[in-house]
């Protein structure tokens, strides 16, 4: 789902940061989605809730998610090609995140970040050494988040992959008009109902506040994304356990798979040592592609 985070391809972020550092002179549906183990076709007996009701209940519960950890997979095709796998840990207040991803697969046209750390005041990006400019001799690049705000650049635009939070998409998914229950199974030992469907971008964005609706609408238009295909696994407590979302556009297509490992458990994010960080000055932000 094109949420606060994904309407900019994940792999593109690292390249944008490297460009900024150099310029500154710094030293889905049931058949497509991978089903959990023990998946089975839905039984003919009546279910407690319809697919739409399950999505609404999951959206309501998502507002109570304060932190989570999960496994993350991103596949990008089109002008940008990359396949990345890794993990994510995130908490809401204060917002912090720790994303560890594999470098893109062979043949990729972009060089993804190995790790992204976000603390309340700073973001840190660990990029493969082979793509860093020679003037940078530290494993981490740092970005002051107040500089991002001062230059009118949203965190979503600059950090791309860093807010891969499926719970923030839950409300938008309720805009679908063709949700259906496509199976049952288990996700990491938790029984869940599989719900699939599609949602037009215009309808999904209508669920957001006007500012976010405008920002994400512009990004969707630039990438030619008009519709999202999704499959979600929702447990008996109406909690999201897994999500697969396909965004197909005219210039790029992205499939994101998130499997929950924990929900509302403590998440701690620590900044790397200062000696290992090259700071990106605010003046460089103008060079980061929008």
C-alpha atoms as a PDB file:
ATOM      1  CA  UNK A   1       0.000   0.000   0.000  1.00  0.00           C
ATOM      2  CA  UNK A   2       1.368   3.413  -0.835  1.00  0.00           C
ATOM      3  CA  UNK A   3       1.511   4.692   2.699  1.00  0.00           C
ATOM      4  CA  UNK A   4       3.545   7.351   4.424  1.00  0.00           C
ATOM      5  CA  UNK A   5       6.561   5.414   3.356  1.00  0.00           C
ATOM      6  CA  UNK A   6       6.520   3.432   0.167  1.00  0.00           C
ATOM      7  CA  UNK A   7       5.502   5.684  -2.688  1.00  0.00           C
ATOM      8  CA  UNK A   8       9.212   6.239  -3.200  1.00  0.00           C
ATOM      9  CA  UNK A   9      11.032   3.000  -4.163  1.00  0.00           C
ATOM     10  CA  UNK A  10      13.011   1.729  -1.196  1.00  0.00           C
ATOM     11  CA  UNK A  11      16.210   1.087  -3.091  1.00  0.00           C
ATOM     12  CA  UNK A  12      16.267   4.608  -4.473  1.00  0.00           C
ATOM     13  CA  UNK A  13      16.905   6.151  -1.080  1.00  0.00           C
ATOM     14  CA  UNK A  14      20.490   5.000  -0.687  1.00  0.00           C
ATOM     15  CA  UNK A  15      21.495   6.306  -4.083  1.00  0.00           C
ATOM     16  CA  UNK A  16      19.879   9.666  -3.315  1.00  0.00           C
ATOM     17  CA  UNK A  17      21.799   9.957  -0.056  1.00  0.00           C
ATOM     18  CA  UNK A  18      25.083   9.089  -1.757  1.00  0.00           C
ATOM     19  CA  UNK A  19      24.402  11.777  -4.376  1.00  0.00           C
ATOM     20  CA  UNK A  20      23.755  14.272  -1.598  1.00  0.00           C
ATOM     21  CA  UNK A  21      26.916  13.265   0.248  1.00  0.00           C
ATOM     22  CA  UNK A  22      29.009  13.605  -2.900  1.00  0.00           C
ATOM     23  CA  UNK A  23      27.486  16.945  -3.880  1.00  0.00           C
ATOM     24  CA  UNK A  24      28.099  18.310  -0.388  1.00  0.00           C
ATOM     25  CA  UNK A  25      31.771  17.225  -0.381  1.00  0.00           C
ATOM     26  CA  UNK A  26      31.217  15.305   2.796  1.00  0.00           C
ATOM     27  CA  UNK A  27      34.090  13.587   4.284  1.00  0.00           C
ATOM     28  CA  UNK A  28      -1.266  -9.756  -3.040  1.00  0.00           C
ATOM     29  CA  UNK A  29      -4.050 -11.887  -4.266  1.00  0.00           C
ATOM     30  CA  UNK A  30      -4.210 -15.516  -3.031  1.00  0.00           C
ATOM     31  CA  UNK A  31      -2.321 -16.949  -5.994  1.00  0.00           C
ATOM     32  CA  UNK A  32       0.424 -14.300  -6.055  1.00  0.00           C
ATOM     33  CA  UNK A  33       1.056 -13.930  -2.339  1.00  0.00           C
ATOM     34  CA  UNK A  34       3.221 -16.449  -0.525  1.00  0.00           C
ATOM     35  CA  UNK A  35       0.932 -18.167   1.926  1.00  0.00           C
ATOM     36  CA  UNK A  36       1.925 -19.160   5.470  1.00  0.00           C
ATOM     37  CA  UNK A  37       2.459 -22.775   6.412  1.00  0.00           C
ATOM     38  CA  UNK A  38      -0.639 -24.934   6.834  1.00  0.00           C
ATOM     39  CA  UNK A  39      -2.659 -22.690   4.542  1.00  0.00           C
ATOM     40  CA  UNK A  40      -6.041 -24.133   3.568  1.00  0.00           C
ATOM     41  CA  UNK A  41      -8.964 -23.009   1.438  1.00  0.00           C
ATOM     42  CA  UNK A  42     -11.747 -21.421   3.491  1.00  0.00           C
ATOM     43  CA  UNK A  43     -14.371 -23.830   4.741  1.00  0.00           C
ATOM     44  CA  UNK A  44     -17.948 -23.591   3.576  1.00  0.00           C
ATOM     45  CA  UNK A  45     -19.199 -22.827   7.089  1.00  0.00           C
ATOM     46  CA  UNK A  46     -20.149 -19.275   8.009  1.00  0.00           C
ATOM     47  CA  UNK A  47     -17.357 -17.017   9.260  1.00  0.00           C
ATOM     48  CA  UNK A  48     -17.759 -14.657  12.240  1.00  0.00           C
ATOM     49  CA  UNK A  49     -16.894 -11.576  10.156  1.00  0.00           C
ATOM     50  CA  UNK A  50     -16.906 -10.743   6.459  1.00  0.00           C
ATOM     51  CA  UNK A  51     -13.676  -9.731   4.726  1.00  0.00           C
ATOM     52  CA  UNK A  52     -14.606  -6.046   4.921  1.00  0.00           C
ATOM     53  CA  UNK A  53     -15.460  -6.376   8.593  1.00  0.00           C
ATOM     54  CA  UNK A  54     -12.120  -8.066   9.286  1.00  0.00           C
ATOM     55  CA  UNK A  55     -10.255  -5.233   7.576  1.00  0.00           C
ATOM     56  CA  UNK A  56     -12.224  -2.657   9.574  1.00  0.00           C
ATOM     57  CA  UNK A  57     -11.514  -4.473  12.840  1.00  0.00           C
ATOM     58  CA  UNK A  58      -7.804  -4.744  11.986  1.00  0.00           C
ATOM     59  CA  UNK A  59      -7.701  -1.024  11.147  1.00  0.00           C
ATOM     60  CA  UNK A  60      -9.254  -0.191  14.501  1.00  0.00           C
ATOM     61  CA  UNK A  61      -6.748  -2.391  16.361  1.00  0.00           C
ATOM     62  CA  UNK A  62      -3.833  -0.944  14.415  1.00  0.00           C
ATOM     63  CA  UNK A  63      -4.328   2.389  16.146  1.00  0.00           C
ATOM     64  CA  UNK A  64      -3.278   0.648  19.357  1.00  0.00           C
ATOM     65  CA  UNK A  65       0.013  -0.693  17.977  1.00  0.00           C
ATOM     66  CA  UNK A  66       2.828   1.209  19.662  1.00  0.00           C
ATOM     67  CA  UNK A  67       5.735  -0.949  18.494  1.00  0.00           C
ATOM     68  CA  UNK A  68       6.481  -4.002  16.389  1.00  0.00           C
ATOM     69  CA  UNK A  69       9.230  -6.144  14.921  1.00  0.00           C
ATOM     70  CA  UNK A  70       9.030  -8.097  11.700  1.00  0.00           C
ATOM     71  CA  UNK A  71      10.648  -9.657   8.666  1.00  0.00           C
ATOM     72  CA  UNK A  72      10.639  -7.497   5.542  1.00  0.00           C
ATOM     73  CA  UNK A  73      11.045  -8.328   1.858  1.00  0.00           C
ATOM     74  CA  UNK A  74      10.978  -5.815  -1.001  1.00  0.00           C
ATOM     75  CA  UNK A  75      11.069  -6.603  -4.718  1.00  0.00           C
ATOM     76  CA  UNK A  76      11.247  -3.743  -7.216  1.00  0.00           C
ATOM     77  CA  UNK A  77      10.955  -4.060 -10.992  1.00  0.00           C
ATOM     78  CA  UNK A  78      10.821  -1.557 -13.836  1.00  0.00           C
ATOM     79  CA  UNK A  79      13.333   1.231 -14.337  1.00  0.00           C
ATOM     80  CA  UNK A  80      14.720   0.353 -10.914  1.00  0.00           C
ATOM     81  CA  UNK A  81      15.355  -3.326 -10.158  1.00  0.00           C
ATOM     82  CA  UNK A  82      16.193  -4.705  -6.727  1.00  0.00           C
ATOM     83  CA  UNK A  83      15.382  -7.535  -4.347  1.00  0.00           C
ATOM     84  CA  UNK A  84      16.065  -6.995  -0.655  1.00  0.00           C
ATOM     85  CA  UNK A  85      15.338  -8.993   2.482  1.00  0.00           C
ATOM     86  CA  UNK A  86      15.800  -8.094   6.110  1.00  0.00           C
ATOM     87  CA  UNK A  87      14.237  -7.119   9.410  1.00  0.00           C
ATOM     88  CA  UNK A  88      12.524  -4.097  10.908  1.00  0.00           C
ATOM     89  CA  UNK A  89      11.901  -2.893  14.459  1.00  0.00           C
ATOM     90  CA  UNK A  90       9.816   0.223  15.039  1.00  0.00           C
ATOM     91  CA  UNK A  91       8.173   2.189  17.823  1.00  0.00           C
ATOM     92  CA  UNK A  92       5.783   5.121  17.534  1.00  0.00           C
ATOM     93  CA  UNK A  93       6.503   7.513  20.395  1.00  0.00           C
ATOM     94  CA  UNK A  94       9.053   8.831  20.064  1.00  0.00           C
ATOM     95  CA  UNK A  95       9.343   7.483  16.535  1.00  0.00           C
ATOM     96  CA  UNK A  96      12.397   5.246  16.166  1.00  0.00           C
ATOM     97  CA  UNK A  97      13.231   2.496  13.698  1.00  0.00           C
ATOM     98  CA  UNK A  98      15.955  -0.045  12.982  1.00  0.00           C
ATOM     99  CA  UNK A  99      15.900  -1.569   9.492  1.00  0.00           C
ATOM    100  CA  UNK A 100      18.507  -4.090   8.374  1.00  0.00           C
ATOM    101  CA  UNK A 101      18.336  -5.091   4.727  1.00  0.00           C
ATOM    102  CA  UNK A 102      20.464  -7.203   2.446  1.00  0.00           C
ATOM    103  CA  UNK A 103      22.182  -5.397  -0.395  1.00  0.00           C
ATOM    104  CA  UNK A 104      20.148  -5.615  -3.634  1.00  0.00           C
ATOM    105  CA  UNK A 105      20.452  -8.772  -5.673  1.00  0.00           C
ATOM    106  CA  UNK A 106      22.842  -9.140  -8.593  1.00  0.00           C
ATOM    107  CA  UNK A 107      21.677  -7.211 -11.629  1.00  0.00           C
ATOM    108  CA  UNK A 108      20.061  -4.452  -9.605  1.00  0.00           C
ATOM    109  CA  UNK A 109      20.254  -0.952 -11.007  1.00  0.00           C
ATOM    110  CA  UNK A 110      20.439   0.607  -7.565  1.00  0.00           C
ATOM    111  CA  UNK A 111      22.562   0.176  -4.460  1.00  0.00           C
ATOM    112  CA  UNK A 112      20.411  -0.199  -1.388  1.00  0.00           C
ATOM    113  CA  UNK A 113      21.221   0.713   2.166  1.00  0.00           C
ATOM    114  CA  UNK A 114      22.383  -2.139   4.373  1.00  0.00           C
ATOM    115  CA  UNK A 115      20.847  -0.517   7.442  1.00  0.00           C
ATOM    116  CA  UNK A 116      18.739   2.480   8.393  1.00  0.00           C
ATOM    117  CA  UNK A 117      18.505   3.730  11.976  1.00  0.00           C
ATOM    118  CA  UNK A 118      16.098   6.477  12.987  1.00  0.00           C
ATOM    119  CA  UNK A 119      16.179   8.125  16.395  1.00  0.00           C
ATOM    120  CA  UNK A 120      13.996  11.068  17.462  1.00  0.00           C
ATOM    121  CA  UNK A 121      16.609  13.581  16.225  1.00  0.00           C
ATOM    122  CA  UNK A 122      18.795  11.795  13.667  1.00  0.00           C
ATOM    123  CA  UNK A 123      18.635   9.274  10.845  1.00  0.00           C
ATOM    124  CA  UNK A 124      21.629   7.088  10.019  1.00  0.00           C
ATOM    125  CA  UNK A 125      22.171   5.187   6.789  1.00  0.00           C
ATOM    126  CA  UNK A 126      24.712   2.431   6.273  1.00  0.00           C
ATOM    127  CA  UNK A 127      25.503   2.100   2.575  1.00  0.00           C
ATOM    128  CA  UNK A 128      27.802  -0.452   0.886  1.00  0.00           C
ATOM    129  CA  UNK A 129      31.317   1.001   0.821  1.00  0.00           C
ATOM    130  CA  UNK A 130      31.629   0.406  -2.919  1.00  0.00           C
ATOM    131  CA  UNK A 131      29.078   3.110  -3.714  1.00  0.00           C
ATOM    132  CA  UNK A 132      30.311   5.793  -1.293  1.00  0.00           C
ATOM    133  CA  UNK A 133      32.370   8.727  -2.564  1.00  0.00           C
ATOM    134  CA  UNK A 134      36.078   8.552  -1.747  1.00  0.00           C
ATOM    135  CA  UNK A 135      35.791  11.464   0.675  1.00  0.00           C
ATOM    136  CA  UNK A 136      33.566   9.415   2.980  1.00  0.00           C
ATOM    137  CA  UNK A 137      35.522   7.010   5.161  1.00  0.00           C
ATOM    138  CA  UNK A 138      32.891   6.078   7.728  1.00  0.00           C
ATOM    139  CA  UNK A 139      30.348   3.228   7.474  1.00  0.00           C
ATOM    140  CA  UNK A 140      27.396   5.487   8.381  1.00  0.00           C
ATOM    141  CA  UNK A 141      25.904   8.645   6.883  1.00  0.00           C
ATOM    142  CA  UNK A 142      23.961  10.885   9.262  1.00  0.00           C
ATOM    143  CA  UNK A 143      21.029  13.213   8.623  1.00  0.00           C
ATOM    144  CA  UNK A 144      19.659  15.686  11.170  1.00  0.00           C
ATOM    145  CA  UNK A 145      15.874  15.425  11.069  1.00  0.00           C
ATOM    146  CA  UNK A 146      15.368  19.077  11.987  1.00  0.00           C
ATOM    147  CA  UNK A 147      17.241  19.924   8.769  1.00  0.00           C
ATOM    148  CA  UNK A 148      14.768  17.824   6.851  1.00  0.00           C
ATOM    149  CA  UNK A 149      11.866  19.840   8.251  1.00  0.00           C
ATOM    150  CA  UNK A 150      13.620  23.171   7.682  1.00  0.00           C
ATOM    151  CA  UNK A 151      14.105  22.373   4.007  1.00  0.00           C
ATOM    152  CA  UNK A 152      10.495  21.297   3.526  1.00  0.00           C
ATOM    153  CA  UNK A 153      11.417  17.720   2.737  1.00  0.00           C
ATOM    154  CA  UNK A 154       9.127  15.104   4.278  1.00  0.00           C
ATOM    155  CA  UNK A 155      10.664  12.211   6.168  1.00  0.00           C
ATOM    156  CA  UNK A 156       8.869   9.839   3.830  1.00  0.00           C
ATOM    157  CA  UNK A 157      10.498  11.350   0.765  1.00  0.00           C
ATOM    158  CA  UNK A 158      14.017  11.383   2.160  1.00  0.00           C
ATOM    159  CA  UNK A 159      14.026   8.085   4.000  1.00  0.00           C
ATOM    160  CA  UNK A 160      12.028   6.025   1.520  1.00  0.00           C
ATOM    161  CA  UNK A 161      12.039   2.518   2.984  1.00  0.00           C
ATOM    162  CA  UNK A 162      12.449   3.600   6.578  1.00  0.00           C
ATOM    163  CA  UNK A 163       8.803   3.711   7.597  1.00  0.00           C
ATOM    164  CA  UNK A 164       7.657   0.327   6.335  1.00  0.00           C
ATOM    165  CA  UNK A 165       4.810   0.123   8.811  1.00  0.00           C
ATOM    166  CA  UNK A 166       1.868  -1.979   7.598  1.00  0.00           C
ATOM    167  CA  UNK A 167      -0.248  -0.783  10.506  1.00  0.00           C
ATOM    168  CA  UNK A 168      -0.194   2.734   9.068  1.00  0.00           C
ATOM    169  CA  UNK A 169      -1.809   1.323   5.902  1.00  0.00           C
ATOM    170  CA  UNK A 170      -4.677  -0.400   7.660  1.00  0.00           C
ATOM    171  CA  UNK A 171      -7.130   2.492   7.468  1.00  0.00           C
ATOM    172  CA  UNK A 172      -6.534   2.968   3.738  1.00  0.00           C
ATOM    173  CA  UNK A 173      -7.245  -0.683   3.034  1.00  0.00           C
ATOM    174  CA  UNK A 174     -10.785  -0.270   4.333  1.00  0.00           C
ATOM    175  CA  UNK A 175     -11.526   1.704   1.149  1.00  0.00           C
ATOM    176  CA  UNK A 176     -11.529  -1.515  -0.894  1.00  0.00           C
ATOM    177  CA  UNK A 177     -14.818  -2.619  -2.408  1.00  0.00           C
ATOM    178  CA  UNK A 178     -13.852  -6.167  -3.389  1.00  0.00           C
ATOM    179  CA  UNK A 179     -12.232  -7.678  -0.283  1.00  0.00           C
ATOM    180  CA  UNK A 180     -12.728 -11.419   0.053  1.00  0.00           C
ATOM    181  CA  UNK A 181     -11.646 -14.192   2.389  1.00  0.00           C
ATOM    182  CA  UNK A 182      -9.280 -16.405   0.414  1.00  0.00           C
ATOM    183  CA  UNK A 183      -7.999 -18.866   3.007  1.00  0.00           C
ATOM    184  CA  UNK A 184      -6.930 -19.657   6.557  1.00  0.00           C
ATOM    185  CA  UNK A 185      -3.590 -20.727   7.971  1.00  0.00           C
ATOM    186  CA  UNK A 186      -0.906 -19.876  10.500  1.00  0.00           C
ATOM    187  CA  UNK A 187       1.736 -17.166  10.632  1.00  0.00           C
ATOM    188  CA  UNK A 188       4.548 -18.057  13.047  1.00  0.00           C
ATOM    189  CA  UNK A 189       2.181 -20.395  14.844  1.00  0.00           C
ATOM    190  CA  UNK A 190      -0.694 -17.893  15.038  1.00  0.00           C
ATOM    191  CA  UNK A 191      -3.938 -18.872  13.319  1.00  0.00           C
ATOM    192  CA  UNK A 192      -5.076 -16.252  10.818  1.00  0.00           C
ATOM    193  CA  UNK A 193      -7.632 -15.549   8.106  1.00  0.00           C
ATOM    194  CA  UNK A 194      -6.345 -14.520   4.677  1.00  0.00           C
ATOM    195  CA  UNK A 195      -8.089 -11.479   3.184  1.00  0.00           C
ATOM    196  CA  UNK A 196      -7.322 -10.296  -0.357  1.00  0.00           C
ATOM    197  CA  UNK A 197      -8.476  -7.472  -2.571  1.00  0.00           C
ATOM    198  CA  UNK A 198      -7.574  -4.369  -4.516  1.00  0.00           C
ATOM    199  CA  UNK A 199      -8.052  -0.692  -3.820  1.00  0.00           C
ATOM    200  CA  UNK A 200      -7.782   2.265  -6.213  1.00  0.00           C
ATOM    201  CA  UNK A 201      -5.255   4.871  -5.120  1.00  0.00           C
ATOM    202  CA  UNK A 202      -7.864   7.627  -5.153  1.00  0.00           C
ATOM    203  CA  UNK A 203     -10.110   5.718  -2.766  1.00  0.00           C
ATOM    204  CA  UNK A 204      -7.238   4.698  -0.487  1.00  0.00           C
ATOM    205  CA  UNK A 205      -5.994   8.277  -0.204  1.00  0.00           C
ATOM    206  CA  UNK A 206      -9.467   9.493   0.681  1.00  0.00           C
ATOM    207  CA  UNK A 207      -8.976   7.861   4.085  1.00  0.00           C
ATOM    208  CA  UNK A 208      -6.014  10.136   4.891  1.00  0.00           C
ATOM    209  CA  UNK A 209      -5.762  13.710   6.193  1.00  0.00           C
ATOM    210  CA  UNK A 210      -5.580  16.282   3.399  1.00  0.00           C
ATOM    211  CA  UNK A 211      -1.824  16.979   3.700  1.00  0.00           C
ATOM    212  CA  UNK A 212      -0.831  13.327   3.428  1.00  0.00           C
ATOM    213  CA  UNK A 213      -3.431  12.790   0.721  1.00  0.00           C
ATOM    214  CA  UNK A 214      -1.848  15.540  -1.395  1.00  0.00           C
ATOM    215  CA  UNK A 215       1.765  14.363  -0.891  1.00  0.00           C
ATOM    216  CA  UNK A 216       1.062  10.716  -1.614  1.00  0.00           C
ATOM    217  CA  UNK A 217      -1.270  11.526  -4.485  1.00  0.00           C
ATOM    218  CA  UNK A 218       1.514  13.418  -6.231  1.00  0.00           C
ATOM    219  CA  UNK A 219       3.958  10.539  -5.685  1.00  0.00           C
ATOM    220  CA  UNK A 220       1.455   8.005  -7.023  1.00  0.00           C
ATOM    221  CA  UNK A 221       0.855  10.125 -10.105  1.00  0.00           C
ATOM    222  CA  UNK A 222       4.598  10.458 -10.787  1.00  0.00           C
ATOM    223  CA  UNK A 223       5.054   6.689 -10.665  1.00  0.00           C
ATOM    224  CA  UNK A 224       1.862   5.909 -12.543  1.00  0.00           C
ATOM    225  CA  UNK A 225       0.404   3.864  -9.696  1.00  0.00           C
ATOM    226  CA  UNK A 226      -3.362   3.621  -9.884  1.00  0.00           C
ATOM    227  CA  UNK A 227      -4.229   0.515  -7.899  1.00  0.00           C
ATOM    228  CA  UNK A 228      -2.909  -1.597  -5.045  1.00  0.00           C
ATOM    229  CA  UNK A 229      -3.340  -5.348  -4.731  1.00  0.00           C
ATOM    230  CA  UNK A 230      -3.089  -6.708  -1.198  1.00  0.00           C
ATOM    231  CA  UNK A 231      -3.316  -9.862   0.881  1.00  0.00           C
ATOM    232  CA  UNK A 232      -3.400  -9.675   4.666  1.00  0.00           C
ATOM    233  CA  UNK A 233      -3.463 -12.322   7.377  1.00  0.00           C
ATOM    234  CA  UNK A 234      -5.574 -11.274  10.379  1.00  0.00           C
ATOM    235  CA  UNK A 235      -5.729 -13.324  13.579  1.00  0.00           C
ATOM    236  CA  UNK A 236      -8.674 -14.093  15.866  1.00  0.00           C
ATOM    237  CA  UNK A 237      -7.977 -10.930  17.877  1.00  0.00           C
ATOM    238  CA  UNK A 238      -8.223  -8.961  14.631  1.00  0.00           C
ATOM    239  CA  UNK A 239      -4.522  -8.186  14.709  1.00  0.00           C
ATOM    240  CA  UNK A 240      -2.505  -8.008  11.510  1.00  0.00           C
ATOM    241  CA  UNK A 241       0.063 -10.821  11.329  1.00  0.00           C
ATOM    242  CA  UNK A 242       1.287 -10.594   7.737  1.00  0.00           C
ATOM    243  CA  UNK A 243       0.811  -8.275   4.764  1.00  0.00           C
ATOM    244  CA  UNK A 244       1.721  -8.546   1.072  1.00  0.00           C
ATOM    245  CA  UNK A 245       1.132  -5.415  -0.987  1.00  0.00           C
ATOM    246  CA  UNK A 246       1.718  -4.962  -4.731  1.00  0.00           C
ATOM    247  CA  UNK A 247       2.037  -1.470  -6.195  1.00  0.00           C
ATOM    248  CA  UNK A 248       2.249  -1.579  -9.991  1.00  0.00           C
ATOM    249  CA  UNK A 249       3.071   1.635 -11.811  1.00  0.00           C
ATOM    250  CA  UNK A 250       4.080   2.769 -15.273  1.00  0.00           C
ATOM    251  CA  UNK A 251       7.704   3.372 -14.222  1.00  0.00           C
ATOM    252  CA  UNK A 252       8.195   1.009 -11.306  1.00  0.00           C
ATOM    253  CA  UNK A 253       6.434  -1.851  -9.521  1.00  0.00           C
ATOM    254  CA  UNK A 254       7.056  -2.898  -5.942  1.00  0.00           C
ATOM    255  CA  UNK A 255       5.990  -5.899  -3.881  1.00  0.00           C
ATOM    256  CA  UNK A 256       6.444  -5.583  -0.132  1.00  0.00           C
ATOM    257  CA  UNK A 257       5.991  -8.505   2.255  1.00  0.00           C
ATOM    258  CA  UNK A 258       5.935  -7.968   6.009  1.00  0.00           C
ATOM    259  CA  UNK A 259       5.604 -10.760   8.567  1.00  0.00           C
ATOM    260  CA  UNK A 260       5.108  -9.772  12.198  1.00  0.00           C
ATOM    261  CA  UNK A 261       7.419 -11.224  14.841  1.00  0.00           C
ATOM    262  CA  UNK A 262       6.212  -9.202  17.841  1.00  0.00           C
ATOM    263  CA  UNK A 263       3.656  -6.490  18.565  1.00  0.00           C
ATOM    264  CA  UNK A 264       3.734  -3.983  21.441  1.00  0.00           C
ATOM    265  CA  UNK A 265       6.944  -5.379  22.885  1.00  0.00           C
ATOM    266  CA  UNK A 266       9.878  -3.127  23.891  1.00  0.00           C
ATOM    267  CA  UNK A 267      11.905  -1.778  20.958  1.00  0.00           C
ATOM    268  CA  UNK A 268      15.235  -0.031  21.515  1.00  0.00           C
ATOM    269  CA  UNK A 269      17.118   1.878  18.802  1.00  0.00           C
ATOM    270  CA  UNK A 270      20.633   3.196  19.454  1.00  0.00           C
ATOM    271  CA  UNK A 271      22.678   5.569  17.307  1.00  0.00           C
ATOM    272  CA  UNK A 272      26.054   4.376  15.985  1.00  0.00           C
ATOM    273  CA  UNK A 273      29.217   5.886  17.558  1.00  0.00           C
ATOM    274  CA  UNK A 274      29.887   9.426  16.332  1.00  0.00           C
ATOM    275  CA  UNK A 275      33.318   8.361  15.092  1.00  0.00           C
ATOM    276  CA  UNK A 276      31.590   6.081  12.562  1.00  0.00           C
ATOM    277  CA  UNK A 277      29.240   8.741  11.138  1.00  0.00           C
ATOM    278  CA  UNK A 278      29.753  11.283   8.328  1.00  0.00           C
ATOM    279  CA  UNK A 279      27.127  13.979   8.714  1.00  0.00           C
ATOM    280  CA  UNK A 280      25.178  15.165   5.665  1.00  0.00           C
ATOM    281  CA  UNK A 281      24.823  18.967   5.904  1.00  0.00           C
ATOM    282  CA  UNK A 282      21.434  20.596   5.437  1.00  0.00           C
ATOM    283  CA  UNK A 283      22.639  22.291   2.260  1.00  0.00           C
ATOM    284  CA  UNK A 284      22.894  18.879   0.595  1.00  0.00           C
ATOM    285  CA  UNK A 285      19.186  18.113   0.919  1.00  0.00           C
ATOM    286  CA  UNK A 286      18.402  20.060  -2.223  1.00  0.00           C
ATOM    287  CA  UNK A 287      20.325  17.402  -4.154  1.00  0.00           C
ATOM    288  CA  UNK A 288      18.188  14.523  -2.893  1.00  0.00           C
ATOM    289  CA  UNK A 289      15.707  13.612  -5.610  1.00  0.00           C
ATOM    290  CA  UNK A 290      12.071  14.062  -4.745  1.00  0.00           C
END
